[in-house]
Amino acid sequence: MNIAIEDSGKTSKTVTIDFSSEEISKECGKLLKEFSAHAKIPGFRPGKAPANMIKSRYIKEIKEDLSRRVISKAYDGVLADEKMDIYSIMNIDSDSIDPDGVAKIIMEVEIYPEFTLPEYAGINLELASTDATAEDLTEAETKLREQRASYDVVERVAEKGDYVRCSYEGKIGDKLISEIVPDRPIYSAQSSTWEEAGSENSPGVRAIVDGIIGMKADDKQDVTMEFPADFEEAALAGKKAIYSLEVSEVREKKLPEVDEEFFKANDVENKEGLEEKLKKEIVSTKENANRSSKQEQVVKFLLDNVEMALPEQSVEQKKQQFIVNMMSHSMQQGATQEDMEARKDEINEEALKAASNKIKLDMILEKVAKDEKIKVEKEDISHAIMNEAIMARTSPEKLIKEMRKDQQQMSRLRTTALMQKTMEFIVNKAEITTK
């Protein structure tokens, strides 16, 4: 087997693997023996039929098996070649392999780029305090009360914070918005919907949310909405709409008193018990946020401080995976095919950035793991399987059974475990500053 390597890009090479007729003949001889041992030829016991008869009878199968074996040998030979640090084998091209001839296999491979690691030991990370402040406690208590709020019908006009049942229909000029964006009723028409008057976080039409303030049951009015030029619904962006608005009911939101009944509902005995419970929850939430923040800051530091040429075909493959995932997620949230088409360039740009960063980060962490001799142990695999099972909403036992049938999935899990362990190694060496 002779291997010839040619550069085809900054991080790619074309590898040609030539097999001599002697090498092909030797592999073919091994196959003939294997076929002969099991072949049923009339007049001959297994293993006794002449080789030329076996070859003639099973030529198609022999060629197929020979091709697989030769390509496998070429694959292993390229991976073992010390001249290349291979990241991935993207394409394998081979002509039909003749048992009586030579063979040529051509592979397109991507190699690891050369790059220098930054000083990753002692990265300065800024974290927020995990103390539960008086403001935190007040906010947490208010949220608890809001969960048990009552909504009482009132006869007065709606005030900010009230919940109002209303209906509306919008037009742009003489055309109904339901004809312009038929699949987005939140922007066109609602026969009965609830809105929080004056809410800053409402996903609905701003003019409706603000317009119901000062209205009471059975009131009607027209309100004007000027959609911003960068509005998410492209067909409405920069347009002026008139909505016919009618209110049918106004309800006042009332929070429960912080009394004995409230304490009992939250499994505490008194105000002190409630504050202690809320403190623990606040501290736990802030600690979780800091754990995420540590990794985010380390990732940013590594990506910002390493320059490398990325393998283009692998980035493109990863980008396509991200595009599929992003589109699937958006459509689950209610986006249409038309929405996806309108955001095509934006999605492509986001996916390219995500793919590039993912591959770049993995290469950096692989190099750190190699330099620091970080290895994946049994407990690391167990932890990774547990996390994967939680995300997949299945049992660890079921996941393990699936992985025994799919070595690629197990290999991916081992890589994930190594990346996470390496990330924890860097995080644990960081210098922490608390803001």
Protein backbone atom coordinates (compact mmCIF):
# COMPACT_ATOMS: atom_id res chain seq x y z
CA MET A 1 0.00 0.00 0.00
CA ASN A 2 1.44 3.35 -1.08
CA ILE A 3 0.04 6.62 0.32
CA ALA A 4 0.51 9.94 -1.53
CA ILE A 5 -0.61 13.22 0.10
CA GLU A 6 -1.40 16.53 -1.62
CA ASP A 7 -2.58 19.81 -0.07
CA SER A 8 -6.06 20.84 -1.25
CA GLY A 9 -6.71 23.67 1.21
CA LYS A 10 -5.58 25.23 4.49
CA THR A 11 -6.97 22.34 6.50
CA SER A 12 -7.65 19.73 3.82
CA LYS A 13 -5.64 17.19 1.86
CA THR A 14 -6.24 14.76 -0.98
CA VAL A 15 -4.86 11.33 -0.14
CA THR A 16 -4.30 8.70 -2.84
CA ILE A 17 -3.81 5.10 -1.70
CA ASP A 18 -2.47 2.63 -4.28
CA PHE A 19 -2.61 -1.14 -3.83
CA SER A 20 -0.41 -3.37 -6.00
CA SER A 21 -1.76 -6.38 -7.87
CA GLU A 22 0.12 -8.62 -5.38
CA GLU A 23 -1.71 -7.01 -2.44
CA ILE A 24 -5.09 -7.32 -4.15
CA SER A 25 -4.34 -10.92 -5.12
CA LYS A 26 -3.43 -11.73 -1.50
CA GLU A 27 -6.70 -10.26 -0.16
CA CYS A 28 -8.64 -12.07 -2.88
CA GLY A 29 -6.95 -15.35 -1.87
CA LYS A 30 -8.09 -14.88 1.73
CA LEU A 31 -11.64 -14.26 0.56
CA LEU A 32 -11.62 -17.35 -1.67
CA LYS A 33 -10.61 -19.52 1.29
CA GLU A 34 -13.44 -18.07 3.39
CA PHE A 35 -15.99 -18.59 0.61
CA SER A 36 -14.68 -22.10 -0.07
CA ALA A 37 -15.10 -23.12 3.57
CA HIS A 38 -18.85 -22.41 3.44
CA ALA A 39 -19.73 -22.73 -0.25
CA LYS A 40 -22.05 -25.54 -1.32
CA ILE A 41 -20.80 -26.78 -4.69
CA PRO A 42 -22.40 -30.00 -6.07
CA GLY A 43 -19.90 -32.83 -6.11
CA PHE A 44 -17.49 -31.23 -3.61
CA ARG A 45 -17.26 -31.27 0.16
CA PRO A 46 -17.03 -27.81 1.85
CA GLY A 47 -13.49 -26.47 1.41
CA LYS A 48 -12.59 -28.86 -1.42
CA ALA A 49 -13.99 -27.08 -4.49
CA PRO A 50 -11.36 -25.60 -6.87
CA ALA A 51 -10.57 -21.93 -6.33
CA ASN A 52 -11.42 -20.98 -9.94
CA MET A 53 -14.86 -22.58 -9.57
CA ILE A 54 -15.51 -20.68 -6.31
CA LYS A 55 -14.33 -17.45 -7.94
CA SER A 56 -16.55 -17.96 -10.99
CA ARG A 57 -19.64 -18.85 -8.96
CA TYR A 58 -19.33 -16.06 -6.37
CA ILE A 59 -17.57 -13.33 -8.39
CA LYS A 60 -20.14 -10.63 -7.56
CA GLU A 61 -20.01 -11.29 -3.80
CA ILE A 62 -16.22 -11.59 -3.86
CA LYS A 63 -15.87 -8.22 -5.60
CA GLU A 64 -18.18 -6.55 -3.08
CA ASP A 65 -16.33 -7.99 -0.07
CA LEU A 66 -12.95 -7.24 -1.65
CA SER A 67 -13.94 -3.62 -2.21
CA ARG A 68 -15.04 -3.26 1.42
CA ARG A 69 -11.80 -4.82 2.71
CA VAL A 70 -9.52 -2.72 0.52
CA ILE A 71 -11.33 0.52 1.43
CA SER A 72 -11.16 -0.46 5.12
CA LYS A 73 -7.41 -1.10 4.84
CA ALA A 74 -6.97 2.25 3.09
CA TYR A 75 -9.02 3.96 5.82
CA ASP A 76 -6.95 2.40 8.62
CA GLY A 77 -3.71 3.19 6.78
CA VAL A 78 -4.61 6.87 6.40
CA LEU A 79 -5.64 7.18 10.05
CA ALA A 80 -2.32 5.60 11.13
CA ASP A 81 -0.21 7.88 8.91
CA GLU A 82 1.96 9.99 11.21
CA LYS A 83 2.37 12.73 8.59
CA MET A 84 -1.24 13.81 9.14
CA ASP A 85 -3.24 14.74 12.23
CA ILE A 86 -6.64 13.85 10.79
CA TYR A 87 -9.79 15.58 12.02
CA SER A 88 -12.23 13.85 9.67
CA ILE A 89 -12.43 11.83 6.45
CA MET A 90 -15.02 13.63 4.32
CA ASN A 91 -15.11 11.60 1.11
CA ILE A 92 -13.87 8.23 -0.20
CA ASP A 93 -13.76 7.58 -3.92
CA SER A 94 -12.80 4.26 -5.50
CA ASP A 95 -13.24 2.58 -8.86
CA SER A 96 -14.56 -0.95 -9.10
CA ILE A 97 -11.81 -3.13 -7.64
CA ASP A 98 -10.77 -5.98 -9.93
CA PRO A 99 -9.57 -9.15 -8.13
CA ASP A 100 -6.94 -9.56 -10.86
CA GLY A 101 -5.75 -5.96 -10.97
CA VAL A 102 -4.53 -3.03 -8.90
CA ALA A 103 -6.64 -0.63 -6.79
CA LYS A 104 -6.65 3.13 -6.29
CA ILE A 105 -8.55 4.80 -3.42
CA ILE A 106 -8.81 8.61 -3.19
CA MET A 107 -9.82 10.25 0.09
CA GLU A 108 -10.57 13.88 0.95
CA VAL A 109 -9.48 14.44 4.54
CA GLU A 110 -9.52 17.39 6.90
CA ILE A 111 -6.66 17.85 9.33
CA TYR A 112 -6.34 19.62 12.65
CA PRO A 113 -5.06 23.16 12.12
CA GLU A 114 -1.99 24.37 13.95
CA PHE A 115 -2.74 26.87 16.72
CA THR A 116 -1.33 28.09 20.03
CA LEU A 117 -3.23 27.74 23.26
CA PRO A 118 -3.55 30.85 25.44
CA GLU A 119 -2.60 30.77 29.14
CA TYR A 120 -5.76 29.06 30.34
CA ALA A 121 -4.66 28.44 33.95
CA GLY A 122 -5.84 31.27 36.18
CA ILE A 123 -8.41 32.91 33.89
CA ASN A 124 -10.12 35.74 35.81
CA LEU A 125 -13.85 35.09 36.11
CA GLU A 126 -16.30 37.64 37.50
CA LEU A 127 -19.26 36.19 39.36
CA ALA A 128 -22.25 37.79 41.03
CA SER A 129 -22.75 37.49 44.77
CA THR A 130 -25.01 34.62 45.79
CA ASP A 131 -26.36 36.48 48.84
CA ALA A 132 -30.13 36.83 49.11
CA THR A 133 -30.75 40.59 49.42
CA ALA A 134 -33.82 42.28 50.88
CA GLU A 135 -34.88 43.18 47.31
CA ASP A 136 -34.51 39.52 46.27
CA LEU A 137 -36.70 38.41 49.16
CA THR A 138 -39.38 41.01 48.37
CA GLU A 139 -39.43 40.02 44.71
CA ALA A 140 -39.58 36.28 45.51
CA GLU A 141 -42.40 36.83 48.00
CA THR A 142 -44.34 38.88 45.43
CA LYS A 143 -43.97 36.10 42.86
CA LEU A 144 -45.32 33.60 45.38
CA ARG A 145 -48.30 35.85 46.06
CA GLU A 146 -48.91 36.33 42.33
CA GLN A 147 -49.12 32.56 41.91
CA ARG A 148 -52.09 32.59 44.30
CA ALA A 149 -53.63 35.86 43.15
CA SER A 150 -57.39 36.21 42.63
CA TYR A 151 -58.93 38.09 39.72
CA ASP A 152 -62.15 39.87 40.73
CA VAL A 153 -64.60 41.43 38.28
CA VAL A 154 -64.85 45.23 38.68
CA GLU A 155 -67.26 47.72 37.15
CA ARG A 156 -64.74 50.58 36.86
CA VAL A 157 -62.47 51.43 33.94
CA ALA A 158 -59.35 49.35 33.50
CA GLU A 159 -56.16 50.48 35.19
CA LYS A 160 -52.60 49.35 34.57
CA GLY A 161 -52.16 45.79 35.87
CA ASP A 162 -55.82 44.83 35.46
CA TYR A 163 -56.73 41.85 33.29
CA VAL A 164 -59.15 42.71 30.51
CA ARG A 165 -61.16 40.40 28.24
CA CYS A 166 -61.52 42.01 24.87
CA SER A 167 -61.92 41.49 21.13
CA TYR A 168 -60.29 43.33 18.24
CA GLU A 169 -59.84 43.38 14.50
CA GLY A 170 -57.13 45.21 12.59
CA LYS A 171 -56.92 46.85 9.18
CA ILE A 172 -54.18 48.45 7.14
CA GLY A 173 -56.00 50.87 4.87
CA ASP A 174 -59.06 48.98 3.63
CA LYS A 175 -57.44 45.55 3.90
CA LEU A 176 -57.95 43.27 6.89
CA ILE A 177 -54.71 42.23 8.58
CA SER A 178 -56.11 38.68 8.68
CA GLU A 179 -55.73 38.69 4.87
CA ILE A 180 -52.16 39.96 5.07
CA VAL A 181 -50.95 37.55 7.79
CA PRO A 182 -53.68 34.88 7.99
CA ASP A 183 -51.64 32.63 10.25
CA ARG A 184 -50.89 35.27 12.93
CA PRO A 185 -54.23 36.03 14.69
CA ILE A 186 -52.42 37.75 17.56
CA TYR A 187 -51.67 40.61 15.13
CA SER A 188 -54.90 40.49 13.09
CA ALA A 189 -58.05 39.63 15.03
CA GLN A 190 -59.21 38.00 18.27
CA SER A 191 -62.84 37.26 19.15
CA SER A 192 -62.06 36.84 22.85
CA THR A 193 -58.67 37.22 24.52
CA TRP A 194 -57.21 38.35 27.85
CA GLU A 195 -54.68 41.18 28.03
CA GLU A 196 -52.84 42.66 31.00
CA ALA A 197 -53.45 46.40 30.77
CA GLY A 198 -50.24 48.34 30.18
CA SER A 199 -48.00 45.26 30.50
CA GLU A 200 -44.42 45.91 29.35
CA ASN A 201 -43.88 42.23 28.49
CA SER A 202 -47.01 41.49 26.48
CA PRO A 203 -46.39 39.56 23.25
CA GLY A 204 -49.48 41.12 21.67
CA VAL A 205 -50.21 44.37 19.86
CA ARG A 206 -48.84 47.29 21.87
CA ALA A 207 -51.74 49.59 20.89
CA ILE A 208 -54.26 47.06 22.26
CA VAL A 209 -52.37 46.50 25.52
CA ASP A 210 -52.15 50.25 26.17
CA GLY A 211 -55.50 51.14 24.60
CA ILE A 212 -57.60 49.13 27.05
CA ILE A 213 -56.45 51.36 29.92
CA GLY A 214 -59.39 53.68 30.70
CA MET A 215 -61.98 51.41 29.08
CA LYS A 216 -64.72 49.47 30.89
CA ALA A 217 -67.05 46.62 29.97
CA ASP A 218 -68.97 47.26 26.69
CA ASP A 219 -66.73 50.20 25.73
CA LYS A 220 -65.55 50.41 22.11
CA GLN A 221 -62.89 52.48 20.38
CA ASP A 222 -60.40 52.48 17.52
CA VAL A 223 -56.70 52.47 18.35
CA THR A 224 -53.73 53.10 16.06
CA MET A 225 -50.65 50.90 15.88
CA GLU A 226 -47.51 51.96 14.01
CA PHE A 227 -45.42 48.85 13.58
CA PRO A 228 -41.65 49.54 13.78
CA ALA A 229 -39.54 49.15 10.63
CA ASP A 230 -37.76 46.12 12.13
CA PHE A 231 -40.96 44.39 13.34
CA GLU A 232 -40.65 40.58 13.46
CA GLU A 233 -43.58 40.09 11.06
CA ALA A 234 -42.09 41.42 7.82
CA ALA A 235 -45.50 42.00 6.15
CA LEU A 236 -46.44 44.47 8.92
CA ALA A 237 -43.08 46.16 9.41
CA GLY A 238 -43.29 49.95 9.02
CA LYS A 239 -47.07 49.86 8.44
CA LYS A 240 -49.83 51.83 10.22
CA ALA A 241 -52.82 49.77 11.39
CA ILE A 242 -56.20 50.69 12.87
CA TYR A 243 -57.78 48.25 15.33
CA SER A 244 -61.46 48.18 16.28
CA LEU A 245 -61.33 47.33 20.00
CA GLU A 246 -64.14 46.24 22.33
CA VAL A 247 -63.90 45.42 26.05
CA SER A 248 -66.24 42.83 27.58
CA GLU A 249 -64.85 42.40 31.12
CA VAL A 250 -62.36 43.97 33.54
CA ARG A 251 -60.81 42.04 36.41
CA GLU A 252 -58.62 43.39 39.19
CA LYS A 253 -55.66 41.31 40.26
CA LYS A 254 -55.57 40.92 44.05
CA LEU A 255 -52.61 39.38 45.85
CA PRO A 256 -53.28 37.27 48.98
CA GLU A 257 -52.26 38.57 52.39
CA VAL A 258 -49.07 37.20 53.91
CA ASP A 259 -50.87 35.52 56.80
CA GLU A 260 -51.22 32.14 58.48
CA GLU A 261 -53.16 30.70 55.52
CA PHE A 262 -50.43 31.87 53.14
CA PHE A 263 -47.70 30.33 55.34
CA LYS A 264 -49.58 27.02 55.46
CA ALA A 265 -49.99 26.96 51.67
CA ASN A 266 -46.20 27.30 51.35
CA ASP A 267 -45.35 24.67 53.98
CA VAL A 268 -43.87 27.10 56.53
CA GLU A 269 -45.01 28.17 59.99
CA ASN A 270 -44.37 31.90 59.98
CA LYS A 271 -42.72 34.88 58.29
CA GLU A 272 -39.24 33.80 59.42
CA GLY A 273 -39.79 30.31 58.02
CA LEU A 274 -40.94 31.78 54.71
CA GLU A 275 -37.87 34.03 54.45
CA GLU A 276 -35.55 31.12 55.24
CA LYS A 277 -37.17 29.00 52.53
CA LEU A 278 -36.97 31.83 50.00
CA LYS A 279 -33.32 32.52 50.91
CA LYS A 280 -32.34 28.93 50.16
CA GLU A 281 -34.14 29.03 46.79
CA ILE A 282 -32.56 32.40 45.88
CA VAL A 283 -29.05 31.25 46.83
CA SER A 284 -29.49 27.99 44.90
CA THR A 285 -30.71 29.87 41.81
CA LYS A 286 -27.76 32.28 41.95
CA GLU A 287 -25.28 29.43 42.43
CA ASN A 288 -26.68 27.68 39.34
CA ALA A 289 -26.43 30.93 37.38
CA ASN A 290 -22.79 31.31 38.47
CA ARG A 291 -21.96 27.77 37.37
CA SER A 292 -23.30 28.58 33.92
CA SER A 293 -21.55 31.96 33.94
CA LYS A 294 -18.18 30.33 34.69
CA GLN A 295 -18.41 28.11 31.61
CA GLU A 296 -19.72 30.94 29.44
CA GLN A 297 -16.81 33.19 30.43
CA VAL A 298 -14.25 30.42 29.86
CA VAL A 299 -15.74 29.68 26.42
CA LYS A 300 -15.60 33.38 25.49
CA PHE A 301 -11.97 33.65 26.67
CA LEU A 302 -10.88 30.60 24.66
CA LEU A 303 -12.71 31.62 21.48
CA ASP A 304 -11.46 35.22 21.70
CA ASN A 305 -7.85 34.24 22.33
CA VAL A 306 -7.28 31.49 19.77
CA GLU A 307 -6.86 32.00 16.05
CA MET A 308 -7.07 29.03 13.69
CA ALA A 309 -8.19 28.02 10.20
CA LEU A 310 -11.27 25.83 10.55
CA PRO A 311 -12.01 22.72 8.42
CA GLU A 312 -14.53 24.11 5.94
CA GLN A 313 -16.46 20.95 5.06
CA SER A 314 -16.94 19.99 8.71
CA VAL A 315 -18.12 23.52 9.51
CA GLU A 316 -20.60 23.33 6.62
CA GLN A 317 -21.92 19.95 7.83
CA LYS A 318 -22.31 21.25 11.38
CA LYS A 319 -23.97 24.42 10.07
CA GLN A 320 -26.61 22.39 8.23
CA GLN A 321 -27.35 20.46 11.45
CA PHE A 322 -27.82 23.73 13.34
CA ILE A 323 -30.11 25.10 10.60
CA VAL A 324 -32.36 22.02 10.82
CA ASN A 325 -32.49 22.29 14.63
CA MET A 326 -33.18 26.05 14.58
CA MET A 327 -35.95 25.73 12.01
CA SER A 328 -37.53 22.81 13.86
CA HIS A 329 -37.49 24.75 17.14
CA SER A 330 -38.94 27.90 15.51
CA MET A 331 -41.75 25.96 13.85
CA GLN A 332 -42.60 24.29 17.16
CA GLN A 333 -42.98 27.83 18.55
CA GLY A 334 -45.50 28.67 15.81
CA ALA A 335 -43.32 30.03 13.00
CA THR A 336 -44.38 29.21 9.42
CA GLN A 337 -42.42 28.17 6.36
CA GLU A 338 -42.83 31.75 5.10
CA ASP A 339 -41.31 33.07 8.35
CA MET A 340 -38.35 30.75 7.86
CA GLU A 341 -37.90 31.93 4.28
CA ALA A 342 -37.96 35.57 5.38
CA ARG A 343 -35.29 34.86 8.02
CA LYS A 344 -33.21 32.59 5.77
CA ASP A 345 -30.10 34.81 5.71
CA GLU A 346 -30.30 35.49 9.45
CA ILE A 347 -30.67 31.77 10.26
CA ASN A 348 -27.78 30.89 7.94
CA GLU A 349 -25.54 33.48 9.61
CA GLU A 350 -26.45 32.35 13.13
CA ALA A 351 -25.93 28.67 12.23
CA LEU A 352 -22.54 29.38 10.63
CA LYS A 353 -21.35 31.23 13.72
CA ALA A 354 -22.62 28.49 16.05
CA ALA A 355 -21.01 25.74 13.94
CA SER A 356 -17.67 27.54 13.72
CA ASN A 357 -17.59 28.21 17.46
CA LYS A 358 -18.56 24.61 18.30
CA ILE A 359 -15.81 23.06 16.17
CA LYS A 360 -13.24 25.64 17.29
CA LEU A 361 -14.04 25.12 20.98
CA ASP A 362 -13.92 21.33 20.66
CA MET A 363 -10.48 21.52 19.03
CA ILE A 364 -9.19 23.81 21.78
CA LEU A 365 -10.50 21.54 24.53
CA GLU A 366 -9.09 18.45 22.79
CA LYS A 367 -5.66 20.07 22.76
CA VAL A 368 -5.92 21.05 26.43
CA ALA A 369 -7.00 17.48 27.29
CA LYS A 370 -4.03 16.08 25.37
CA ASP A 371 -1.52 18.48 26.95
CA GLU A 372 -2.89 17.89 30.46
CA LYS A 373 -3.33 14.13 29.90
CA ILE A 374 -7.01 14.30 30.89
CA LYS A 375 -8.68 10.90 30.46
CA VAL A 376 -12.31 9.79 30.54
CA GLU A 377 -12.98 7.41 33.42
CA LYS A 378 -15.94 5.14 34.16
CA GLU A 379 -17.58 7.69 36.47
CA ASP A 380 -17.32 10.35 33.73
CA ILE A 381 -19.18 8.08 31.30
CA SER A 382 -21.83 7.30 33.94
CA HIS A 383 -22.35 11.00 34.59
CA ALA A 384 -22.60 11.72 30.84
CA ILE A 385 -25.12 8.88 30.37
CA MET A 386 -27.22 10.23 33.24
CA ASN A 387 -27.28 13.73 31.72
CA GLU A 388 -28.06 12.36 28.26
CA ALA A 389 -30.90 10.24 29.64
CA ILE A 390 -32.42 13.25 31.43
CA MET A 391 -32.27 15.33 28.24
CA ALA A 392 -33.74 12.50 26.16
CA ARG A 393 -36.37 11.81 28.84
CA THR A 394 -35.49 8.14 29.02
CA SER A 395 -33.91 5.80 31.55
CA PRO A 396 -30.10 5.37 31.76
CA GLU A 397 -30.57 1.59 31.35
CA LYS A 398 -32.48 2.02 28.08
CA LEU A 399 -29.89 4.48 26.79
CA ILE A 400 -27.04 2.07 27.59
CA LYS A 401 -28.80 -0.72 25.62
CA GLU A 402 -29.15 1.59 22.62
CA MET A 403 -25.50 2.60 22.81
CA ARG A 404 -24.30 -0.99 22.85
CA LYS A 405 -25.86 -1.31 19.38
CA ASP A 406 -24.47 2.02 18.16
CA GLN A 407 -20.76 2.52 18.71
CA GLN A 408 -20.88 5.95 17.05
CA GLN A 409 -23.28 7.15 19.73
CA MET A 410 -20.99 5.78 22.45
CA SER A 411 -17.99 7.45 20.84
CA ARG A 412 -19.87 10.77 20.73
CA LEU A 413 -20.78 10.39 24.40
CA ARG A 414 -17.15 9.73 25.34
CA THR A 415 -16.12 12.87 23.44
CA THR A 416 -18.82 14.88 25.22
CA ALA A 417 -17.62 13.56 28.59
CA LEU A 418 -14.00 14.48 27.74
CA MET A 419 -14.99 18.01 26.65
CA GLN A 420 -16.97 18.57 29.85
CA LYS A 421 -14.20 17.19 32.07
CA THR A 422 -11.65 19.43 30.35
CA MET A 423 -13.92 22.45 30.74
CA GLU A 424 -14.27 21.70 34.48
CA PHE A 425 -10.47 21.40 34.69
CA ILE A 426 -10.05 24.93 33.28
CA VAL A 427 -12.88 26.35 35.42
CA ASN A 428 -11.35 24.89 38.58
CA LYS A 429 -8.05 26.64 37.83
CA ALA A 430 -9.71 30.03 37.32
CA GLU A 431 -9.30 33.07 39.59
CA ILE A 432 -12.74 34.13 40.88
CA THR A 433 -13.73 37.75 41.54
CA THR A 434 -17.11 38.36 43.18
CA LYS A 435 -18.92 41.50 42.11
